[in-house]
Protein backbone atom coordinates (compact mmCIF):
# COMPACT_ATOMS: atom_id res chain seq x y z
CA UNK A 1 -0.03 0.01 0.01
CA UNK A 2 2.91 2.57 0.89
CA UNK A 3 4.58 1.69 -2.55
CA UNK A 4 0.80 2.57 -4.67
CA UNK A 5 0.39 5.74 -2.19
CA UNK A 6 4.38 6.69 -2.99
CA UNK A 7 3.87 6.28 -6.89
CA UNK A 8 0.45 8.66 -6.63
CA UNK A 9 2.21 10.65 -4.75
CA UNK A 10 5.89 11.20 -7.16
CA UNK A 11 3.52 11.11 -10.29
CA UNK A 12 1.45 14.34 -9.51
CA UNK A 13 4.70 15.66 -7.89
CA UNK A 14 6.68 15.34 -11.34
CA UNK A 15 3.54 16.49 -13.19
CA UNK A 16 2.20 19.41 -11.66
CA UNK A 17 6.91 20.34 -11.73
CA UNK A 18 6.55 19.94 -15.51
CA UNK A 19 3.45 22.45 -15.48
CA UNK A 20 5.65 25.01 -13.75
CA UNK A 21 8.42 25.03 -15.75
CA UNK A 22 6.49 24.80 -18.80
CA UNK A 23 4.64 27.90 -17.66
CA UNK A 24 7.31 29.44 -16.61
CA UNK A 25 9.16 29.37 -20.09
CA UNK A 26 6.02 30.63 -21.66
CA UNK A 27 6.55 33.53 -19.09
CA UNK A 28 10.05 34.25 -20.75
CA UNK A 29 9.49 33.05 -24.03
CA UNK A 30 6.12 33.95 -25.66
CA UNK A 31 5.58 37.38 -27.68
CA UNK A 32 2.68 39.63 -25.32
CA UNK A 33 1.30 40.50 -22.27
CA UNK A 34 -1.92 38.33 -22.82
CA UNK A 35 -0.40 35.20 -23.87
CA UNK A 36 2.39 35.31 -20.68
CA UNK A 37 -0.86 35.57 -18.69
CA UNK A 38 -1.92 32.25 -20.01
CA UNK A 39 0.69 31.03 -19.19
CA UNK A 40 0.99 32.37 -15.59
CA UNK A 41 -2.01 30.87 -15.34
CA UNK A 42 -1.15 27.57 -16.43
CA UNK A 43 1.16 27.39 -13.72
CA UNK A 44 -0.64 29.30 -11.40
CA UNK A 45 -3.26 26.18 -11.37
CA UNK A 46 -2.86 23.46 -13.04
CA UNK A 47 0.65 23.32 -11.55
CA UNK A 48 0.34 23.94 -8.48
CA UNK A 49 -3.17 21.85 -7.75
CA UNK A 50 -1.31 18.89 -9.16
CA UNK A 51 1.80 19.72 -6.73
CA UNK A 52 -0.71 20.26 -3.78
CA UNK A 53 -2.30 16.76 -4.62
CA UNK A 54 0.62 14.97 -5.15
CA UNK A 55 1.37 16.79 -0.74
CA UNK A 56 -1.54 15.75 0.22
CA UNK A 57 -0.83 11.66 -0.52
CA UNK A 58 2.47 12.55 1.84
CA UNK A 59 0.37 14.50 4.46
CA UNK A 60 1.32 13.01 8.15
CA UNK A 61 -1.57 13.63 9.74
CA UNK A 62 -5.42 14.71 9.03
CA UNK A 63 -4.56 18.17 10.07
CA UNK A 64 -1.96 18.70 7.65
CA UNK A 65 -4.26 17.41 4.98
CA UNK A 66 -7.16 19.46 5.68
CA UNK A 67 -4.83 22.38 5.63
CA UNK A 68 -3.85 21.41 2.33
CA UNK A 69 -7.77 21.07 1.27
CA UNK A 70 -8.10 24.73 2.28
CA UNK A 71 -5.09 25.67 0.17
CA UNK A 72 -5.95 23.83 -2.85
CA UNK A 73 -10.39 25.48 -2.71
CA UNK A 74 -8.06 28.73 -1.98
CA UNK A 75 -6.56 28.38 -5.21
CA UNK A 76 -9.32 26.95 -7.42
CA UNK A 77 -11.50 29.55 -6.46
CA UNK A 78 -9.35 32.74 -7.02
CA UNK A 79 -6.27 31.39 -9.74
CA UNK A 80 -8.77 31.95 -12.90
CA UNK A 81 -10.98 35.04 -11.29
CA UNK A 82 -6.78 36.59 -10.97
CA UNK A 83 -5.28 36.14 -14.30
CA UNK A 84 -9.07 36.78 -16.02
CA UNK A 85 -9.35 40.35 -14.05
CA UNK A 86 -5.80 41.29 -14.74
CA UNK A 87 -6.68 40.24 -18.56
CA UNK A 88 -9.65 42.09 -18.61
CA UNK A 89 -8.16 45.56 -16.78
CA UNK A 90 -4.97 45.67 -18.93
CA UNK A 91 -7.62 45.43 -22.28
CA UNK A 92 -9.59 47.98 -21.00
CA UNK A 93 -6.73 49.78 -20.44
CA UNK A 94 -5.74 49.47 -24.03
CA UNK A 95 -3.25 46.73 -24.41
CA UNK A 96 -4.07 45.44 -27.36
CA UNK A 97 -2.61 41.45 -28.23
CA UNK A 98 -0.14 40.92 -30.50
CA UNK A 99 -0.03 41.43 -34.05
CA UNK A 100 1.35 39.31 -36.26
CA UNK A 101 3.51 39.98 -39.26
CA UNK A 102 0.73 39.83 -41.49
CA UNK A 103 -1.28 42.12 -40.08
CA UNK A 104 -3.58 40.13 -38.35
CA UNK A 105 -4.64 38.98 -35.30
CA UNK A 106 -3.62 35.20 -34.43
CA UNK A 107 -7.39 34.65 -33.94
CA UNK A 108 -8.05 35.53 -37.23
CA UNK A 109 -5.69 33.41 -38.96
């Protein structure tokens, strides 16, 4: 049973770490604000959720498990809302999305 719990824990921890690294690379390499916010929201939501789930499998007591569940619920409620509010504020302030070399936006291709 311990082998199964450790295996699941490592699976979630490594998967979450991969998402965090991919999101970090996206922050460095993507061309404009909106695509970078998308990369940050992947890091903030999926990566953090997977890492927290992996930590839940390794929690030594019920109190630690409850605290991790509360942190996960907080992230579920706030992370997508924060990303949406940030992009909406930038759009209302007049920040235009990246326009490609052909003069068209990426969503018009």
